[in-house]
């Protein structure tokens, strides 16, 4: 696991923040696996956010539209307070 993280870090030229996000995501997954529970909602959000940033979905026109729709829904959800 460490080796693959290191290889990914080097090949993708990840920043320190991105590395910390990935480590946190891995830790949350392993804790959930040990307890027989799925990963927490927070860890899923963090992992998904990291993937979106890594994959640069905004460069793909089709995925850009889908991402925009989902982002609008999230923004509406957090602005309801």
N, C-alpha and C. Protein backbone atom coordinates (compact mmCIF):
# COMPACT_ATOMS: atom_id res chain seq x y z
N UNK A 1 0.83 -1.18 0.00
CA UNK A 1 0.00 0.00 0.00
C UNK A 1 0.88 1.26 0.00
N UNK A 2 1.90 1.27 0.83
CA UNK A 2 2.79 2.42 0.88
C UNK A 2 3.51 2.61 -0.44
N UNK A 3 3.91 1.50 -1.04
CA UNK A 3 4.63 1.58 -2.30
C UNK A 3 3.75 2.17 -3.39
N UNK A 4 2.51 1.73 -3.46
CA UNK A 4 1.61 2.26 -4.49
C UNK A 4 1.31 3.74 -4.26
N UNK A 5 1.18 4.13 -3.00
CA UNK A 5 0.97 5.55 -2.69
C UNK A 5 2.18 6.36 -3.10
N UNK A 6 3.37 5.86 -2.81
CA UNK A 6 4.59 6.55 -3.19
C UNK A 6 4.71 6.68 -4.70
N UNK A 7 4.42 5.60 -5.42
CA UNK A 7 4.49 5.64 -6.88
C UNK A 7 3.49 6.63 -7.46
N UNK A 8 2.28 6.63 -6.92
CA UNK A 8 1.25 7.56 -7.37
C UNK A 8 1.66 8.99 -7.09
N UNK A 9 2.21 9.21 -5.91
CA UNK A 9 2.65 10.55 -5.51
C UNK A 9 3.71 11.08 -6.46
N UNK A 10 4.65 10.24 -6.80
CA UNK A 10 5.72 10.66 -7.69
C UNK A 10 5.21 10.87 -9.11
N UNK A 11 4.44 9.92 -9.61
CA UNK A 11 3.99 10.00 -11.00
C UNK A 11 3.00 11.15 -11.23
N UNK A 12 2.16 11.43 -10.23
CA UNK A 12 1.16 12.49 -10.38
C UNK A 12 1.66 13.83 -9.84
N UNK A 13 2.87 13.84 -9.27
CA UNK A 13 3.45 15.06 -8.71
C UNK A 13 2.47 15.73 -7.74
N UNK A 14 2.01 14.94 -6.77
CA UNK A 14 1.01 15.42 -5.82
C UNK A 14 1.61 16.40 -4.82
N UNK A 15 0.81 17.35 -4.41
CA UNK A 15 1.23 18.30 -3.39
C UNK A 15 1.14 17.63 -2.02
N UNK A 16 1.71 18.28 -1.02
CA UNK A 16 1.67 17.74 0.33
C UNK A 16 0.23 17.60 0.82
N UNK A 17 -0.60 18.56 0.50
CA UNK A 17 -2.02 18.51 0.89
C UNK A 17 -2.71 17.32 0.26
N UNK A 18 -2.45 17.08 -1.01
CA UNK A 18 -3.06 15.94 -1.70
C UNK A 18 -2.59 14.62 -1.10
N UNK A 19 -1.31 14.56 -0.74
CA UNK A 19 -0.78 13.34 -0.12
C UNK A 19 -1.46 13.10 1.21
N UNK A 20 -1.61 14.15 2.01
CA UNK A 20 -2.28 14.01 3.31
C UNK A 20 -3.72 13.57 3.14
N UNK A 21 -4.42 14.10 2.11
CA UNK A 21 -5.80 13.69 1.85
C UNK A 21 -5.87 12.21 1.52
N UNK A 22 -4.94 11.76 0.72
CA UNK A 22 -4.94 10.34 0.35
C UNK A 22 -4.64 9.45 1.55
N UNK A 23 -3.70 9.86 2.37
CA UNK A 23 -3.38 9.08 3.57
C UNK A 23 -4.59 9.00 4.49
N UNK A 24 -5.27 10.14 4.67
CA UNK A 24 -6.47 10.15 5.52
C UNK A 24 -7.54 9.24 4.94
N UNK A 25 -7.70 9.28 3.64
CA UNK A 25 -8.70 8.43 2.98
C UNK A 25 -8.36 6.95 3.17
N UNK A 26 -7.10 6.62 3.02
CA UNK A 26 -6.67 5.22 3.20
C UNK A 26 -6.89 4.78 4.64
N UNK A 27 -6.56 5.66 5.59
CA UNK A 27 -6.76 5.32 7.00
C UNK A 27 -8.23 5.09 7.31
N UNK A 28 -9.10 5.95 6.77
CA UNK A 28 -10.52 5.81 7.03
C UNK A 28 -11.05 4.51 6.41
N UNK A 29 -10.57 4.16 5.23
CA UNK A 29 -11.00 2.92 4.59
C UNK A 29 -10.57 1.72 5.41
N UNK A 30 -9.33 1.74 5.90
CA UNK A 30 -8.83 0.60 6.66
C UNK A 30 -9.56 0.46 7.99
N UNK A 31 -9.91 1.57 8.62
CA UNK A 31 -10.67 1.52 9.87
C UNK A 31 -12.05 0.93 9.59
N UNK A 32 -12.69 1.36 8.51
CA UNK A 32 -14.00 0.83 8.15
C UNK A 32 -13.93 -0.65 7.81
N UNK A 33 -12.87 -1.06 7.13
CA UNK A 33 -12.70 -2.47 6.79
C UNK A 33 -12.49 -3.32 8.03
N UNK A 34 -11.72 -2.81 8.98
CA UNK A 34 -11.46 -3.57 10.21
C UNK A 34 -12.72 -3.75 11.03
N UNK A 35 -13.56 -2.76 11.03
CA UNK A 35 -14.79 -2.82 11.81
C UNK A 35 -15.92 -3.49 11.05
N UNK A 36 -15.69 -3.83 9.80
CA UNK A 36 -16.73 -4.45 8.99
C UNK A 36 -17.80 -3.46 8.55
N UNK A 37 -17.47 -2.17 8.64
CA UNK A 37 -18.42 -1.14 8.25
C UNK A 37 -17.91 -0.42 7.02
N UNK A 38 -18.82 0.14 6.25
CA UNK A 38 -18.38 0.92 5.09
C UNK A 38 -17.69 2.19 5.56
N UNK A 39 -16.88 2.81 4.70
CA UNK A 39 -16.20 4.05 5.07
C UNK A 39 -17.21 5.13 5.45
N UNK A 40 -16.80 6.02 6.30
CA UNK A 40 -17.69 7.09 6.75
C UNK A 40 -18.03 8.02 5.60
N UNK A 41 -19.09 8.75 5.78
CA UNK A 41 -19.52 9.71 4.76
C UNK A 41 -18.43 10.75 4.51
N UNK A 42 -17.80 11.22 5.59
CA UNK A 42 -16.74 12.22 5.46
C UNK A 42 -15.59 11.68 4.61
N UNK A 43 -15.17 10.45 4.87
CA UNK A 43 -14.06 9.89 4.11
C UNK A 43 -14.44 9.69 2.65
N UNK A 44 -15.70 9.35 2.40
CA UNK A 44 -16.16 9.21 1.02
C UNK A 44 -16.14 10.55 0.30
N UNK A 45 -16.59 11.60 0.99
CA UNK A 45 -16.58 12.94 0.39
C UNK A 45 -15.14 13.35 0.10
N UNK A 46 -14.24 13.14 1.06
CA UNK A 46 -12.84 13.51 0.88
C UNK A 46 -12.21 12.76 -0.28
N UNK A 47 -12.47 11.46 -0.35
CA UNK A 47 -11.89 10.64 -1.42
C UNK A 47 -12.43 11.05 -2.78
N UNK A 48 -13.72 11.32 -2.85
CA UNK A 48 -14.33 11.73 -4.11
C UNK A 48 -13.79 13.07 -4.57
N UNK A 49 -13.67 14.01 -3.63
CA UNK A 49 -13.11 15.32 -3.96
C UNK A 49 -11.69 15.19 -4.50
N UNK A 50 -10.90 14.34 -3.87
CA UNK A 50 -9.52 14.14 -4.33
C UNK A 50 -9.50 13.55 -5.74
N UNK A 51 -10.41 12.61 -6.02
CA UNK A 51 -10.47 12.01 -7.36
C UNK A 51 -10.88 13.03 -8.40
N UNK A 52 -11.86 13.87 -8.08
CA UNK A 52 -12.32 14.89 -9.02
C UNK A 52 -11.17 15.82 -9.37
N UNK A 53 -10.43 16.24 -8.37
CA UNK A 53 -9.29 17.12 -8.61
C UNK A 53 -8.22 16.42 -9.44
N UNK A 54 -7.95 15.16 -9.12
CA UNK A 54 -6.90 14.43 -9.83
C UNK A 54 -7.27 14.20 -11.29
N UNK A 55 -8.52 13.81 -11.52
CA UNK A 55 -8.95 13.47 -12.87
C UNK A 55 -9.28 14.69 -13.73
N UNK A 56 -9.39 15.85 -13.10
CA UNK A 56 -9.70 17.10 -13.81
C UNK A 56 -10.93 16.93 -14.71
N UNK A 57 -12.03 16.55 -14.09
CA UNK A 57 -13.26 16.27 -14.83
C UNK A 57 -13.78 17.49 -15.59
N UNK A 58 -13.39 18.67 -15.17
CA UNK A 58 -13.87 19.88 -15.83
C UNK A 58 -13.30 20.03 -17.24
N UNK A 59 -12.29 19.24 -17.60
CA UNK A 59 -11.72 19.29 -18.95
C UNK A 59 -12.54 18.48 -19.96
N UNK A 60 -13.34 17.55 -19.49
CA UNK A 60 -14.19 16.73 -20.35
C UNK A 60 -15.57 17.39 -20.42
N UNK A 61 -16.01 17.82 -21.62
CA UNK A 61 -17.28 18.56 -21.72
C UNK A 61 -18.49 17.82 -21.14
N UNK A 62 -18.59 16.52 -21.34
CA UNK A 62 -19.73 15.77 -20.84
C UNK A 62 -19.66 15.66 -19.31
N UNK A 63 -18.50 15.31 -18.82
CA UNK A 63 -18.34 15.19 -17.38
C UNK A 63 -18.41 16.56 -16.71
N UNK A 64 -18.02 17.59 -17.45
CA UNK A 64 -18.11 18.95 -16.92
C UNK A 64 -19.56 19.30 -16.61
N UNK A 65 -20.46 18.95 -17.51
CA UNK A 65 -21.89 19.23 -17.29
C UNK A 65 -22.42 18.45 -16.10
N UNK A 66 -22.06 17.17 -16.01
CA UNK A 66 -22.52 16.34 -14.89
C UNK A 66 -21.97 16.87 -13.57
N UNK A 67 -20.71 17.25 -13.58
CA UNK A 67 -20.09 17.79 -12.38
C UNK A 67 -20.75 19.10 -11.97
N UNK A 68 -21.07 19.92 -12.94
CA UNK A 68 -21.73 21.19 -12.66
C UNK A 68 -23.10 20.96 -12.00
N UNK A 69 -23.87 20.00 -12.52
CA UNK A 69 -25.17 19.69 -11.93
C UNK A 69 -25.03 19.21 -10.49
N UNK A 70 -24.10 18.31 -10.27
CA UNK A 70 -23.89 17.79 -8.92
C UNK A 70 -23.40 18.89 -7.97
N UNK A 71 -22.54 19.74 -8.47
CA UNK A 71 -22.03 20.83 -7.64
C UNK A 71 -23.14 21.81 -7.27
N UNK A 72 -24.03 22.08 -8.20
CA UNK A 72 -25.17 22.95 -7.91
C UNK A 72 -26.05 22.35 -6.81
N UNK A 73 -26.25 21.02 -6.86
CA UNK A 73 -27.05 20.35 -5.83
C UNK A 73 -26.37 20.44 -4.47
N UNK A 74 -25.06 20.23 -4.45
CA UNK A 74 -24.30 20.34 -3.20
C UNK A 74 -24.37 21.75 -2.64
N UNK A 75 -24.22 22.73 -3.52
CA UNK A 75 -24.27 24.12 -3.08
C UNK A 75 -25.64 24.45 -2.51
N UNK A 76 -26.68 23.93 -3.14
CA UNK A 76 -28.04 24.15 -2.63
C UNK A 76 -28.20 23.47 -1.27
N UNK A 77 -27.64 22.32 -1.12
CA UNK A 77 -27.75 21.59 0.14
C UNK A 77 -27.08 22.34 1.29
N UNK A 78 -25.91 22.88 1.04
CA UNK A 78 -25.20 23.57 2.11
C UNK A 78 -25.72 24.97 2.35
N UNK A 79 -26.44 25.54 1.40
CA UNK A 79 -26.98 26.89 1.59
C UNK A 79 -28.35 26.88 2.24
N UNK A 80 -28.92 25.70 2.47
CA UNK A 80 -30.24 25.60 3.08
C UNK A 80 -30.23 25.99 4.55
N UNK A 81 -29.09 26.00 5.17
CA UNK A 81 -29.01 26.30 6.60
C UNK A 81 -29.37 27.70 6.86
